[in-house]
PDB file of N, CA and C in Angstrom:
ATOM      1  N   MET A   1     -16.365   7.536  14.968  1.00  0.00           N
ATOM      2  CA  MET A   1     -15.778   6.607  15.962  1.00  0.00           C
ATOM      3  C   MET A   1     -15.094   5.967  15.281  1.00  0.00           C
ATOM      4  N   ARG A   2     -13.993   5.490  15.589  1.00  0.00           N
ATOM      5  CA  ARG A   2     -12.941   4.851  14.780  1.00  0.00           C
ATOM      6  C   ARG A   2     -13.198   3.091  15.188  1.00  0.00           C
ATOM      7  N   GLU A   3     -13.721   2.139  14.548  1.00  0.00           N
ATOM      8  CA  GLU A   3     -13.446   0.543  14.199  1.00  0.00           C
ATOM      9  C   GLU A   3     -12.231   0.173  14.987  1.00  0.00           C
ATOM     10  N   PRO A   4     -13.135  -0.943  15.989  1.00  0.00           N
ATOM     11  CA  PRO A   4     -11.827  -1.998  17.031  1.00  0.00           C
ATOM     12  C   PRO A   4     -11.020  -2.519  15.925  1.00  0.00           C
ATOM     13  N   TYR A   5      -9.934  -1.913  16.402  1.00  0.00           N
ATOM     14  CA  TYR A   5      -9.053  -3.028  15.356  1.00  0.00           C
ATOM     15  C   TYR A   5      -8.727  -4.427  15.440  1.00  0.00           C
ATOM     16  N   ASP A   6      -8.329  -5.325  14.097  1.00  0.00           N
ATOM     17  CA  ASP A   6      -8.536  -6.774  14.537  1.00  0.00           C
ATOM     18  C   ASP A   6      -7.709  -7.427  13.096  1.00  0.00           C
ATOM     19  N   LEU A   7      -6.198  -7.416  13.709  1.00  0.00           N
ATOM     20  CA  LEU A   7      -5.272  -8.069  12.829  1.00  0.00           C
ATOM     21  C   LEU A   7      -5.704  -9.046  11.723  1.00  0.00           C
ATOM     22  N   GLY A   8      -6.441 -10.262  12.403  1.00  0.00           N
ATOM     23  CA  GLY A   8      -6.830 -11.665  11.970  1.00  0.00           C
ATOM     24  C   GLY A   8      -7.847 -10.964  10.789  1.00  0.00           C
ATOM     25  N   MET A   9      -8.402 -10.057  11.105  1.00  0.00           N
ATOM     26  CA  MET A   9      -9.879  -9.795  10.168  1.00  0.00           C
ATOM     27  C   MET A   9      -8.743  -9.374   8.703  1.00  0.00           C
ATOM     28  N   LEU A  10      -8.089  -8.268   9.247  1.00  0.00           N
ATOM     29  CA  LEU A  10      -7.323  -7.354   8.218  1.00  0.00           C
ATOM     30  C   LEU A  10      -6.260  -8.080   7.586  1.00  0.00           C
ATOM     31  N   ILE A  11      -5.626  -9.250   7.754  1.00  0.00           N
ATOM     32  CA  ILE A  11      -4.980  -9.977   7.241  1.00  0.00           C
ATOM     33  C   ILE A  11      -5.877 -10.829   6.381  1.00  0.00           C
ATOM     34  N   LYS A  12      -6.714 -11.558   6.624  1.00  0.00           N
ATOM     35  CA  LYS A  12      -7.800 -12.514   5.961  1.00  0.00           C
ATOM     36  C   LYS A  12      -8.293 -11.201   4.565  1.00  0.00           C
ATOM     37  N   GLU A  13      -8.772  -9.974   4.982  1.00  0.00           N
ATOM     38  CA  GLU A  13      -9.115  -9.096   3.780  1.00  0.00           C
ATOM     39  C   GLU A  13      -8.154  -9.061   3.065  1.00  0.00           C
ATOM     40  N   LEU A  14      -6.905  -8.412   3.445  1.00  0.00           N
ATOM     41  CA  LEU A  14      -5.835  -8.508   2.456  1.00  0.00           C
ATOM     42  C   LEU A  14      -5.698  -9.500   1.467  1.00  0.00           C
ATOM     43  N   ARG A  15      -5.698 -10.850   2.210  1.00  0.00           N
ATOM     44  CA  ARG A  15      -5.306 -11.861   1.297  1.00  0.00           C
ATOM     45  C   ARG A  15      -6.086 -12.373   0.456  1.00  0.00           C
ATOM     46  N   THR A  16      -7.684 -12.086   0.647  1.00  0.00           N
ATOM     47  CA  THR A  16      -8.608 -12.648  -0.063  1.00  0.00           C
ATOM     48  C   THR A  16      -9.171 -11.526  -0.984  1.00  0.00           C
ATOM     49  N   LYS A  17      -8.584  -9.955  -1.111  1.00  0.00           N
ATOM     50  CA  LYS A  17      -8.333  -9.347  -1.701  1.00  0.00           C
ATOM     51  C   LYS A  17      -7.591  -9.790  -2.491  1.00  0.00           C
ATOM     52  N   ALA A  18      -6.110 -10.087  -2.113  1.00  0.00           N
ATOM     53  CA  ALA A  18      -5.280 -10.279  -3.747  1.00  0.00           C
ATOM     54  C   ALA A  18      -5.295 -11.862  -4.018  1.00  0.00           C
ATOM     55  N   LYS A  19      -6.682 -12.352  -3.834  1.00  0.00           N
ATOM     56  CA  LYS A  19      -7.065 -14.208  -4.436  1.00  0.00           C
ATOM     57  C   LYS A  19      -6.082 -15.226  -4.128  1.00  0.00           C
ATOM     58  N   MET A  20      -5.801 -14.981  -3.189  1.00  0.00           N
ATOM     59  CA  MET A  20      -5.391 -16.084  -2.327  1.00  0.00           C
ATOM     60  C   MET A  20      -5.524 -16.950  -0.931  1.00  0.00           C
ATOM     61  N   SER A  21      -5.028 -18.273  -1.430  1.00  0.00           N
ATOM     62  CA  SER A  21      -5.379 -18.827   0.007  1.00  0.00           C
ATOM     63  C   SER A  21      -4.471 -18.993   1.205  1.00  0.00           C
ATOM     64  N   GLN A  22      -5.157 -19.779   1.785  1.00  0.00           N
ATOM     65  CA  GLN A  22      -4.434 -19.747   3.041  1.00  0.00           C
ATOM     66  C   GLN A  22      -3.069 -20.389   2.801  1.00  0.00           C
ATOM     67  N   LYS A  23      -3.567 -21.299   2.294  1.00  0.00           N
ATOM     68  CA  LYS A  23      -1.968 -22.191   1.423  1.00  0.00           C
ATOM     69  C   LYS A  23      -0.956 -21.610   0.670  1.00  0.00           C
ATOM     70  N   GLU A  24      -1.566 -20.274  -0.009  1.00  0.00           N
ATOM     71  CA  GLU A  24      -0.485 -19.726  -0.984  1.00  0.00           C
ATOM     72  C   GLU A  24       0.157 -18.848  -0.272  1.00  0.00           C
ATOM     73  N   LEU A  25      -0.867 -18.001   0.491  1.00  0.00           N
ATOM     74  CA  LEU A  25      -0.174 -17.506   1.296  1.00  0.00           C
ATOM     75  C   LEU A  25       1.106 -17.953   2.635  1.00  0.00           C
ATOM     76  N   GLY A  26       0.831 -18.853   3.193  1.00  0.00           N
ATOM     77  CA  GLY A  26       1.730 -19.709   3.748  1.00  0.00           C
ATOM     78  C   GLY A  26       3.191 -19.698   3.169  1.00  0.00           C
ATOM     79  N   ALA A  27       2.596 -20.388   2.092  1.00  0.00           N
ATOM     80  CA  ALA A  27       3.692 -20.522   0.966  1.00  0.00           C
ATOM     81  C   ALA A  27       4.609 -19.510   0.908  1.00  0.00           C
ATOM     82  N   ARG A  28       4.282 -18.179   0.692  1.00  0.00           N
ATOM     83  CA  ARG A  28       5.055 -16.696   0.677  1.00  0.00           C
ATOM     84  C   ARG A  28       5.562 -16.346   1.568  1.00  0.00           C
ATOM     85  N   ILE A  29       5.541 -17.073   2.841  1.00  0.00           N
ATOM     86  CA  ILE A  29       6.188 -16.575   4.123  1.00  0.00           C
ATOM     87  C   ILE A  29       6.588 -17.733   4.205  1.00  0.00           C
ATOM     88  N   SER A  30       6.422 -19.279   4.003  1.00  0.00           N
ATOM     89  CA  SER A  30       7.746 -20.554   4.402  1.00  0.00           C
ATOM     90  C   SER A  30       6.688 -20.593   5.436  1.00  0.00           C
ATOM     91  N   ARG A  31       5.109 -20.815   5.523  1.00  0.00           N
ATOM     92  CA  ARG A  31       4.444 -21.362   6.808  1.00  0.00           C
ATOM     93  C   ARG A  31       3.342 -22.123   6.159  1.00  0.00           C
ATOM     94  N   ASP A  32       2.644 -22.617   7.334  1.00  0.00           N
ATOM     95  CA  ASP A  32       1.650 -23.722   6.629  1.00  0.00           C
ATOM     96  C   ASP A  32       0.260 -22.943   6.830  1.00  0.00           C
ATOM     97  N   LYS A  33      -0.645 -23.241   6.197  1.00  0.00           N
ATOM     98  CA  LYS A  33      -1.926 -22.607   5.746  1.00  0.00           C
ATOM     99  C   LYS A  33      -2.463 -22.898   7.530  1.00  0.00           C
ATOM    100  N   GLY A  34      -1.963 -23.672   8.318  1.00  0.00           N
ATOM    101  CA  GLY A  34      -2.581 -23.398   9.836  1.00  0.00           C
ATOM    102  C   GLY A  34      -2.129 -23.000  11.020  1.00  0.00           C
ATOM    103  N   VAL A  35      -1.053 -22.225  10.116  1.00  0.00           N
ATOM    104  CA  VAL A  35      -0.146 -20.900  10.806  1.00  0.00           C
ATOM    105  C   VAL A  35      -0.946 -19.485  10.358  1.00  0.00           C
ATOM    106  N   ILE A  36      -1.175 -19.595   9.325  1.00  0.00           N
ATOM    107  CA  ILE A  36      -1.945 -18.508   8.444  1.00  0.00           C
ATOM    108  C   ILE A  36      -3.926 -18.453   9.295  1.00  0.00           C
ATOM    109  N   SER A  37      -4.459 -19.776   9.115  1.00  0.00           N
ATOM    110  CA  SER A  37      -5.239 -19.759  10.076  1.00  0.00           C
ATOM    111  C   SER A  37      -5.547 -18.882  11.105  1.00  0.00           C
ATOM    112  N   ARG A  38      -4.453 -19.449  11.974  1.00  0.00           N
ATOM    113  CA  ARG A  38      -4.687 -19.326  13.655  1.00  0.00           C
ATOM    114  C   ARG A  38      -3.792 -17.488  13.356  1.00  0.00           C
ATOM    115  N   TYR A  39      -3.023 -16.895  12.577  1.00  0.00           N
ATOM    116  CA  TYR A  39      -3.449 -15.349  12.380  1.00  0.00           C
ATOM    117  C   TYR A  39      -4.724 -14.760  11.943  1.00  0.00           C
ATOM    118  N   GLU A  40      -5.786 -15.603  11.137  1.00  0.00           N
ATOM    119  CA  GLU A  40      -6.583 -14.797  11.066  1.00  0.00           C
ATOM    120  C   GLU A  40      -7.143 -14.838  12.401  1.00  0.00           C
ATOM    121  N   SER A  41      -7.955 -15.884  12.861  1.00  0.00           N
ATOM    122  CA  SER A  41      -8.090 -16.386  14.190  1.00  0.00           C
ATOM    123  C   SER A  41      -8.144 -15.598  15.358  1.00  0.00           C
ATOM    124  N   ASN A  42      -6.870 -14.933  15.172  1.00  0.00           N
ATOM    125  CA  ASN A  42      -6.024 -14.055  16.376  1.00  0.00           C
ATOM    126  C   ASN A  42      -5.997 -15.174  17.206  1.00  0.00           C
ATOM    127  N   TYR A  43      -5.526 -16.238  17.368  1.00  0.00           N
ATOM    128  CA  TYR A  43      -5.176 -16.948  18.133  1.00  0.00           C
ATOM    129  C   TYR A  43      -3.530 -17.363  17.900  1.00  0.00           C
ATOM    130  N   GLN A  44      -2.967 -16.826  17.162  1.00  0.00           N
ATOM    131  CA  GLN A  44      -2.011 -16.425  17.120  1.00  0.00           C
ATOM    132  C   GLN A  44      -1.256 -15.109  16.616  1.00  0.00           C
ATOM    133  N   THR A  45      -0.624 -14.197  16.874  1.00  0.00           N
ATOM    134  CA  THR A  45      -0.437 -12.903  16.347  1.00  0.00           C
ATOM    135  C   THR A  45       0.955 -13.280  15.787  1.00  0.00           C
ATOM    136  N   PRO A  46       1.407 -12.619  14.501  1.00  0.00           N
ATOM    137  CA  PRO A  46       2.264 -12.981  13.769  1.00  0.00           C
ATOM    138  C   PRO A  46       4.077 -11.821  14.390  1.00  0.00           C
ATOM    139  N   PRO A  47       4.581 -13.030  14.434  1.00  0.00           N
ATOM    140  CA  PRO A  47       6.296 -12.012  14.546  1.00  0.00           C
ATOM    141  C   PRO A  47       6.076 -10.797  13.830  1.00  0.00           C
ATOM    142  N   PHE A  48       7.161  -9.786  14.230  1.00  0.00           N
ATOM    143  CA  PHE A  48       7.573  -8.911  13.338  1.00  0.00           C
ATOM    144  C   PHE A  48       8.150  -8.994  11.751  1.00  0.00           C
ATOM    145  N   GLU A  49       8.782  -9.895  11.804  1.00  0.00           N
ATOM    146  CA  GLU A  49       9.529 -10.399  10.417  1.00  0.00           C
ATOM    147  C   GLU A  49       8.596 -10.661   9.638  1.00  0.00           C
ATOM    148  N   THR A  50       7.433 -11.310  10.173  1.00  0.00           N
ATOM    149  CA  THR A  50       5.896 -11.869   9.402  1.00  0.00           C
ATOM    150  C   THR A  50       4.653 -10.760   8.804  1.00  0.00           C
ATOM    151  N   MET A  51       4.668  -9.307   9.967  1.00  0.00           N
ATOM    152  CA  MET A  51       4.499  -8.321   9.764  1.00  0.00           C
ATOM    153  C   MET A  51       4.957  -7.898   8.253  1.00  0.00           C
ATOM    154  N   ARG A  52       6.635  -7.717   8.728  1.00  0.00           N
ATOM    155  CA  ARG A  52       6.929  -7.025   7.205  1.00  0.00           C
ATOM    156  C   ARG A  52       6.974  -7.756   6.045  1.00  0.00           C
ATOM    157  N   ASP A  53       6.821  -9.354   5.966  1.00  0.00           N
ATOM    158  CA  ASP A  53       6.351  -9.656   4.801  1.00  0.00           C
ATOM    159  C   ASP A  53       5.431  -9.456   4.056  1.00  0.00           C
ATOM    160  N   PHE A  54       4.206  -9.749   4.908  1.00  0.00           N
ATOM    161  CA  PHE A  54       2.628  -9.348   4.466  1.00  0.00           C
ATOM    162  C   PHE A  54       2.553  -7.879   4.178  1.00  0.00           C
ATOM    163  N   ALA A  55       3.622  -7.191   4.833  1.00  0.00           N
ATOM    164  CA  ALA A  55       3.631  -5.352   4.116  1.00  0.00           C
ATOM    165  C   ALA A  55       4.203  -5.605   2.438  1.00  0.00           C
ATOM    166  N   ALA A  56       5.208  -6.551   2.770  1.00  0.00           N
ATOM    167  CA  ALA A  56       5.737  -6.475   0.995  1.00  0.00           C
ATOM    168  C   ALA A  56       4.409  -7.198   0.019  1.00  0.00           C
ATOM    169  N   ILE A  57       3.798  -8.084   0.874  1.00  0.00           N
ATOM    170  CA  ILE A  57       3.440  -9.083  -0.047  1.00  0.00           C
ATOM    171  C   ILE A  57       1.590  -8.321  -0.621  1.00  0.00           C
ATOM    172  N   PHE A  58       1.520  -7.493   0.317  1.00  0.00           N
ATOM    173  CA  PHE A  58      -0.063  -6.540   0.224  1.00  0.00           C
ATOM    174  C   PHE A  58       0.286  -5.163  -0.391  1.00  0.00           C
ATOM    175  N   ASN A  59       1.459  -4.874  -0.347  1.00  0.00           N
ATOM    176  CA  ASN A  59       2.141  -3.815  -0.779  1.00  0.00           C
ATOM    177  C   ASN A  59       0.874  -2.411   0.332  1.00  0.00           C
ATOM    178  N   VAL A  60       1.357  -2.821   1.239  1.00  0.00           N
ATOM    179  CA  VAL A  60       0.983  -1.981   2.590  1.00  0.00           C
ATOM    180  C   VAL A  60       2.022  -1.910   3.267  1.00  0.00           C
ATOM    181  N   SER A  61       1.439  -0.683   4.539  1.00  0.00           N
ATOM    182  CA  SER A  61       2.803   0.315   5.255  1.00  0.00           C
ATOM    183  C   SER A  61       2.817  -1.046   6.680  1.00  0.00           C
ATOM    184  N   MET A  62       4.099  -0.595   7.144  1.00  0.00           N
ATOM    185  CA  MET A  62       3.823  -1.417   8.563  1.00  0.00           C
ATOM    186  C   MET A  62       2.221  -0.710   9.138  1.00  0.00           C
ATOM    187  N   ASP A  63       2.329   0.826   9.333  1.00  0.00           N
ATOM    188  CA  ASP A  63       1.413   1.227  10.114  1.00  0.00           C
ATOM    189  C   ASP A  63       0.053   0.925   9.888  1.00  0.00           C
ATOM    190  N   TYR A  64       0.110   0.784   8.507  1.00  0.00           N
ATOM    191  CA  TYR A  64      -1.457   0.271   8.149  1.00  0.00           C
ATOM    192  C   TYR A  64      -1.640  -0.980   8.689  1.00  0.00           C
ATOM    193  N   LEU A  65      -0.940  -1.997   9.015  1.00  0.00           N
ATOM    194  CA  LEU A  65      -0.817  -3.546   9.397  1.00  0.00           C
ATOM    195  C   LEU A  65      -1.136  -3.037  10.942  1.00  0.00           C
ATOM    196  N   ALA A  66      -0.617  -1.917  11.713  1.00  0.00           N
ATOM    197  CA  ALA A  66      -0.781  -1.766  12.905  1.00  0.00           C
ATOM    198  C   ALA A  66      -1.902  -1.229  13.346  1.00  0.00           C
ATOM    199  N   GLY A  67      -2.701  -0.632  12.342  1.00  0.00           N
ATOM    200  CA  GLY A  67      -3.558   0.320  12.681  1.00  0.00           C
ATOM    201  C   GLY A  67      -3.673   1.372  12.882  1.00  0.00           C
ATOM    202  N   PHE A  68      -2.927   2.015  12.091  1.00  0.00           N
ATOM    203  CA  PHE A  68      -2.576   3.497  12.267  1.00  0.00           C
ATOM    204  C   PHE A  68      -2.751   4.036  10.992  1.00  0.00           C
ATOM    205  N   GLU A  69      -2.901   3.771   9.958  1.00  0.00           N
ATOM    206  CA  GLU A  69      -3.035   4.236   8.778  1.00  0.00           C
ATOM    207  C   GLU A  69      -4.146   4.217   7.928  1.00  0.00           C
ATOM    208  N   ARG A  70      -4.635   4.608   7.475  1.00  0.00           N
ATOM    209  CA  ARG A  70      -6.289   4.617   6.807  1.00  0.00           C
ATOM    210  C   ARG A  70      -5.056   3.729   5.457  1.00  0.00           C
ATOM    211  N   SER A  71      -6.369   2.854   5.085  1.00  0.00           N
ATOM    212  CA  SER A  71      -6.383   2.008   3.466  1.00  0.00           C
ATOM    213  C   SER A  71      -6.258   2.628   2.613  1.00  0.00           C
ATOM    214  N   ASP A  72      -6.720   4.118   2.524  1.00  0.00           N
ATOM    215  CA  ASP A  72      -6.653   4.647   0.989  1.00  0.00           C
ATOM    216  C   ASP A  72      -5.395   5.333   0.839  1.00  0.00           C
ATOM    217  N   ALA A  73      -4.436   5.409   1.932  1.00  0.00           N
ATOM    218  CA  ALA A  73      -3.224   6.087   1.643  1.00  0.00           C
ATOM    219  C   ALA A  73      -2.427   4.961   0.480  1.00  0.00           C
ATOM    220  N   ILE A  74      -1.426   5.681  -0.229  1.00  0.00           N
ATOM    221  CA  ILE A  74      -0.806   5.570  -1.403  1.00  0.00           C
ATOM    222  C   ILE A  74       0.444   5.210  -0.973  1.00  0.00           C
ATOM    223  N   GLN A  75       0.766   3.594  -1.407  1.00  0.00           N
ATOM    224  CA  GLN A  75       1.828   2.943  -1.241  1.00  0.00           C
ATOM    225  C   GLN A  75       3.098   3.241  -2.388  1.00  0.00           C
ATOM    226  N   THR A  76       4.313   3.534  -1.216  1.00  0.00           N
ATOM    227  CA  THR A  76       5.129   3.467  -2.591  1.00  0.00           C
ATOM    228  C   THR A  76       5.995   2.386  -2.281  1.00  0.00           C
ATOM    229  N   PHE A  77       5.915   1.449  -1.624  1.00  0.00           N
ATOM    230  CA  PHE A  77       6.638   0.138  -1.781  1.00  0.00           C
ATOM    231  C   PHE A  77       7.062  -0.615  -3.464  1.00  0.00           C
ATOM    232  N   GLY A  78       8.455  -0.520  -3.671  1.00  0.00           N
ATOM    233  CA  GLY A  78       8.246  -1.175  -5.061  1.00  0.00           C
ATOM    234  C   GLY A  78       8.598  -0.023  -5.669  1.00  0.00           C
ATOM    235  N   LEU A  79       8.509   1.468  -5.717  1.00  0.00           N
ATOM    236  CA  LEU A  79       9.009   2.482  -6.524  1.00  0.00           C
ATOM    237  C   LEU A  79      10.324   2.987  -6.766  1.00  0.00           C
ATOM    238  N   THR A  80      10.503   3.198  -7.520  1.00  0.00           N
ATOM    239  CA  THR A  80      12.034   4.168  -7.516  1.00  0.00           C
ATOM    240  C   THR A  80      11.919   5.357  -6.903  1.00  0.00           C
ATOM    241  N   GLU A  81      12.978   5.836  -6.325  1.00  0.00           N
ATOM    242  CA  GLU A  81      12.964   7.146  -6.176  1.00  0.00           C
ATOM    243  C   GLU A  81      12.518   8.400  -7.157  1.00  0.00           C
ATOM    244  N   GLU A  82      12.878   8.230  -8.609  1.00  0.00           N
ATOM    245  CA  GLU A  82      12.194   9.024  -9.204  1.00  0.00           C
ATOM    246  C   GLU A  82      10.585   8.961  -9.275  1.00  0.00           C
ATOM    247  N   GLN A  83      10.470   8.037  -9.085  1.00  0.00           N
ATOM    248  CA  GLN A  83       8.693   7.677  -9.413  1.00  0.00           C
ATOM    249  C   GLN A  83       8.031   8.156  -8.089  1.00  0.00           C
ATOM    250  N   ARG A  84       8.717   7.984  -7.215  1.00  0.00           N
ATOM    251  CA  ARG A  84       7.780   8.451  -5.704  1.00  0.00           C
ATOM    252  C   ARG A  84       7.633   9.894  -5.837  1.00  0.00           C
ATOM    253  N   VAL A  85       9.210  10.891  -6.404  1.00  0.00           N
ATOM    254  CA  VAL A  85       9.006  11.842  -6.594  1.00  0.00           C
ATOM    255  C   VAL A  85       8.045  12.597  -7.462  1.00  0.00           C
ATOM    256  N   LEU A  86       7.680  11.775  -8.244  1.00  0.00           N
ATOM    257  CA  LEU A  86       6.724  11.850  -9.718  1.00  0.00           C
ATOM    258  C   LEU A  86       5.185  11.943  -9.258  1.00  0.00           C
ATOM    259  N   LEU A  87       5.199  11.072  -7.800  1.00  0.00           N
ATOM    260  CA  LEU A  87       4.053  10.976  -7.158  1.00  0.00           C
ATOM    261  C   LEU A  87       3.418  11.692  -6.519  1.00  0.00           C
ATOM    262  N   THR A  88       4.243  12.304  -5.728  1.00  0.00           N
ATOM    263  CA  THR A  88       4.384  13.209  -4.702  1.00  0.00           C
ATOM    264  C   THR A  88       4.026  14.778  -5.523  1.00  0.00           C
ATOM    265  N   GLU A  89       4.669  14.872  -6.575  1.00  0.00           N
ATOM    266  CA  GLU A  89       4.363  15.771  -7.377  1.00  0.00           C
ATOM    267  C   GLU A  89       3.238  16.015  -8.065  1.00  0.00           C
ATOM    268  N   THR A  90       2.479  15.151  -8.550  1.00  0.00           N
ATOM    269  CA  THR A  90       1.207  14.910  -9.005  1.00  0.00           C
ATOM    270  C   THR A  90       0.148  14.951  -7.660  1.00  0.00           C
ATOM    271  N   ALA A  91       0.089  14.662  -6.601  1.00  0.00           N
ATOM    272  CA  ALA A  91      -0.215  14.573  -5.948  1.00  0.00           C
ATOM    273  C   ALA A  91      -0.384  16.320  -5.246  1.00  0.00           C
ATOM    274  N   GLU A  92       0.895  16.616  -4.996  1.00  0.00           N
ATOM    275  CA  GLU A  92       1.041  18.452  -4.827  1.00  0.00           C
ATOM    276  C   GLU A  92       0.195  18.942  -5.662  1.00  0.00           C
ATOM    277  N   MET A  93       0.311  18.637  -6.891  1.00  0.00           N
ATOM    278  CA  MET A  93      -0.694  19.491  -8.062  1.00  0.00           C
ATOM    279  C   MET A  93      -2.104  19.487  -7.766  1.00  0.00           C
ATOM    280  N   LEU A  94      -2.343  18.075  -7.711  1.00  0.00           N
ATOM    281  CA  LEU A  94      -3.848  17.461  -7.889  1.00  0.00           C
ATOM    282  C   LEU A  94      -4.836  18.742  -6.490  1.00  0.00           C
ATOM    283  N   ARG A  95      -3.722  18.731  -4.981  1.00  0.00           N
ATOM    284  CA  ARG A  95      -4.296  19.541  -4.219  1.00  0.00           C
ATOM    285  C   ARG A  95      -4.174  20.623  -4.227  1.00  0.00           C
ATOM    286  N   ARG A  96      -3.693  21.482  -5.146  1.00  0.00           N
ATOM    287  CA  ARG A  96      -3.818  22.642  -5.399  1.00  0.00           C
ATOM    288  C   ARG A  96      -4.660  23.200  -6.294  1.00  0.00           C
ATOM    289  N   GLN A  97      -5.326  22.406  -6.966  1.00  0.00           N
ATOM    290  CA  GLN A  97      -6.142  22.224  -7.768  1.00  0.00           C
ATOM    291  C   GLN A  97      -7.571  22.544  -7.427  1.00  0.00           C
ATOM    292  N   ASN A  98      -7.367  20.872  -6.014  1.00  0.00           N
ATOM    293  CA  ASN A  98      -8.863  21.522  -5.729  1.00  0.00           C
ATOM    294  C   ASN A  98      -9.232  22.185  -4.429  1.00  0.00           C
ATOM    295  N   MET A  99      -8.022  22.925  -3.920  1.00  0.00           N
ATOM    296  CA  MET A  99      -8.091  24.305  -3.117  1.00  0.00           C
ATOM    297  C   MET A  99      -8.535  25.335  -3.238  1.00  0.00           C
ATOM    298  N   ASN A 100      -8.534  25.348  -5.094  1.00  0.00           N
ATOM    299  CA  ASN A 100      -8.414  26.573  -5.950  1.00  0.00           C
ATOM    300  C   ASN A 100      -7.801  27.685  -5.498  1.00  0.00           C
ATOM    301  N   SER A 101      -6.561  27.450  -4.848  1.00  0.00           N
ATOM    302  CA  SER A 101      -5.938  28.385  -4.683  1.00  0.00           C
ATOM    303  C   SER A 101      -4.219  28.348  -5.254  1.00  0.00           C
ATOM    304  N   ALA A 102      -4.319  29.105  -6.004  1.00  0.00           N
ATOM    305  CA  ALA A 102      -2.522  28.951  -6.004  1.00  0.00           C
ATOM    306  C   ALA A 102      -2.512  27.366  -6.985  1.00  0.00           C
ATOM    307  N   GLN A 103      -3.144  27.939  -8.336  1.00  0.00           N
ATOM    308  CA  GLN A 103      -3.421  26.668  -8.913  1.00  0.00           C
ATOM    309  C   GLN A 103      -2.447  26.609  -9.914  1.00  0.00           C
ATOM    310  N   ALA A 104      -1.491  25.409 -10.293  1.00  0.00           N
ATOM    311  CA  ALA A 104      -0.512  24.973 -11.381  1.00  0.00           C
ATOM    312  C   ALA A 104      -1.149  25.749 -12.573  1.00  0.00           C
ATOM    313  N   SER A 105       0.366  26.387 -13.153  1.00  0.00           N
ATOM    314  CA  SER A 105       0.142  27.063 -14.277  1.00  0.00           C
ATOM    315  C   SER A 105       0.004  26.187 -15.705  1.00  0.00           C
ATOM    316  N   ALA A 106      -0.073  26.323 -16.599  1.00  0.00           N
ATOM    317  CA  ALA A 106      -0.328  25.232 -18.099  1.00  0.00           C
ATOM    318  C   ALA A 106       0.972  24.749 -18.024  1.00  0.00           C
ATOM    319  N   ASP A 107       1.711  25.633 -17.937  1.00  0.00           N
ATOM    320  CA  ASP A 107       3.446  25.473 -18.642  1.00  0.00           C
ATOM    321  C   ASP A 107       3.715  23.842 -16.830  1.00  0.00           C
ATOM    322  N   GLU A 108       2.981  24.406 -15.778  1.00  0.00           N
ATOM    323  CA  GLU A 108       3.465  23.142 -14.567  1.00  0.00           C
ATOM    324  C   GLU A 108       3.001  22.032 -14.971  1.00  0.00           C
ATOM    325  N   LYS A 109       1.704  22.167 -15.836  1.00  0.00           N
ATOM    326  CA  LYS A 109       1.044  20.541 -15.794  1.00  0.00           C
ATOM    327  C   LYS A 109       1.702  20.182 -16.980  1.00  0.00           C
ATOM    328  N   HIS A 110       1.988  20.807 -18.165  1.00  0.00           N
ATOM    329  CA  HIS A 110       2.981  20.192 -19.441  1.00  0.00           C
ATOM    330  C   HIS A 110       3.665  19.708 -18.779  1.00  0.00           C
ATOM    331  N   ASN A 111       4.689  20.162 -17.956  1.00  0.00           N
ATOM    332  CA  ASN A 111       5.772  19.466 -17.609  1.00  0.00           C
ATOM    333  C   ASN A 111       5.706  18.363 -16.925  1.00  0.00           C
ATOM    334  N   LEU A 112       4.432  18.371 -15.479  1.00  0.00           N
ATOM    335  CA  LEU A 112       4.205  17.087 -15.179  1.00  0.00           C
ATOM    336  C   LEU A 112       3.754  16.045 -16.192  1.00  0.00           C
ATOM    337  N   LEU A 113       3.071  16.513 -16.966  1.00  0.00           N
ATOM    338  CA  LEU A 113       2.556  15.128 -17.940  1.00  0.00           C
ATOM    339  C   LEU A 113       3.649  14.804 -18.670  1.00  0.00           C
ATOM    340  N   GLY A 114       4.625  15.247 -18.734  1.00  0.00           N
ATOM    341  CA  GLY A 114       5.972  15.000 -19.638  1.00  0.00           C
ATOM    342  C   GLY A 114       6.630  14.053 -18.571  1.00  0.00           C
ATOM    343  N   LYS A 115       6.889  14.592 -17.526  1.00  0.00           N
ATOM    344  CA  LYS A 115       7.370  13.448 -16.144  1.00  0.00           C
ATOM    345  C   LYS A 115       6.709  11.957 -16.467  1.00  0.00           C
ATOM    346  N   ILE A 116       5.164  12.389 -16.531  1.00  0.00           N
ATOM    347  CA  ILE A 116       4.535  10.540 -16.114  1.00  0.00           C
ATOM    348  C   ILE A 116       4.702  10.503 -17.661  1.00  0.00           C
ATOM    349  N   THR A 117       4.509  10.820 -18.959  1.00  0.00           N
ATOM    350  CA  THR A 117       5.070  10.143 -20.384  1.00  0.00           C
ATOM    351  C   THR A 117       6.299   9.182 -20.144  1.00  0.00           C
ATOM    352  N   ALA A 118       7.151  10.156 -19.884  1.00  0.00           N
ATOM    353  CA  ALA A 118       8.734   9.462 -20.094  1.00  0.00           C
ATOM    354  C   ALA A 118       8.654   8.689 -18.785  1.00  0.00           C
ATOM    355  N   CYS A 119       7.757   8.413 -17.838  1.00  0.00           N
ATOM    356  CA  CYS A 119       8.208   7.727 -16.669  1.00  0.00           C
ATOM    357  C   CYS A 119       7.565   6.291 -17.324  1.00  0.00           C
ATOM    358  N   PHE A 120       6.774   6.107 -18.153  1.00  0.00           N
ATOM    359  CA  PHE A 120       5.853   5.417 -18.807  1.00  0.00           C
ATOM    360  C   PHE A 120       6.812   4.375 -19.957  1.00  0.00           C
ATOM    361  N   PHE A 121       7.073   5.571 -20.946  1.00  0.00           N
ATOM    362  CA  PHE A 121       7.340   5.054 -22.395  1.00  0.00           C
ATOM    363  C   PHE A 121       8.956   5.389 -22.443  1.00  0.00           C
ATOM    364  N   ASP A 122       9.506   6.033 -21.982  1.00  0.00           N
ATOM    365  CA  ASP A 122      11.061   6.042 -22.032  1.00  0.00           C
ATOM    366  C   ASP A 122      12.261   5.173 -21.237  1.00  0.00           C
ATOM    367  N   LYS A 123      11.614   3.537 -21.123  1.00  0.00           N
ATOM    368  CA  LYS A 123      12.589   2.608 -20.758  1.00  0.00           C
ATOM    369  C   LYS A 123      13.415   1.842 -22.051  1.00  0.00           C
TER     370      LYS A 123
END
């Protein structure tokens, strides 16, 4: 059974997880702490632009803020296209390994490991 959606609670959870005060979050979106308090208490609904700001600040998707996406989804905001491709390739290889069907060959694994290493050390 799905839990009821509570945007205010979600904003508060994201803010506290990020170790931000209401004042700090308000400053990031050019609002005062009272506005953040009203969002968290569900007395006021953030406009679309503010929701977009929250998504960027907390590195979550708009779908997640709207209650359509699980929190364990990997967010790619702020990554380059090359990094997104690398992340997708890694996830696909891990899925194949977990399914025990069509496991990646040693060459595929070494190739992917080389790409990961290059991503971190070839800058």
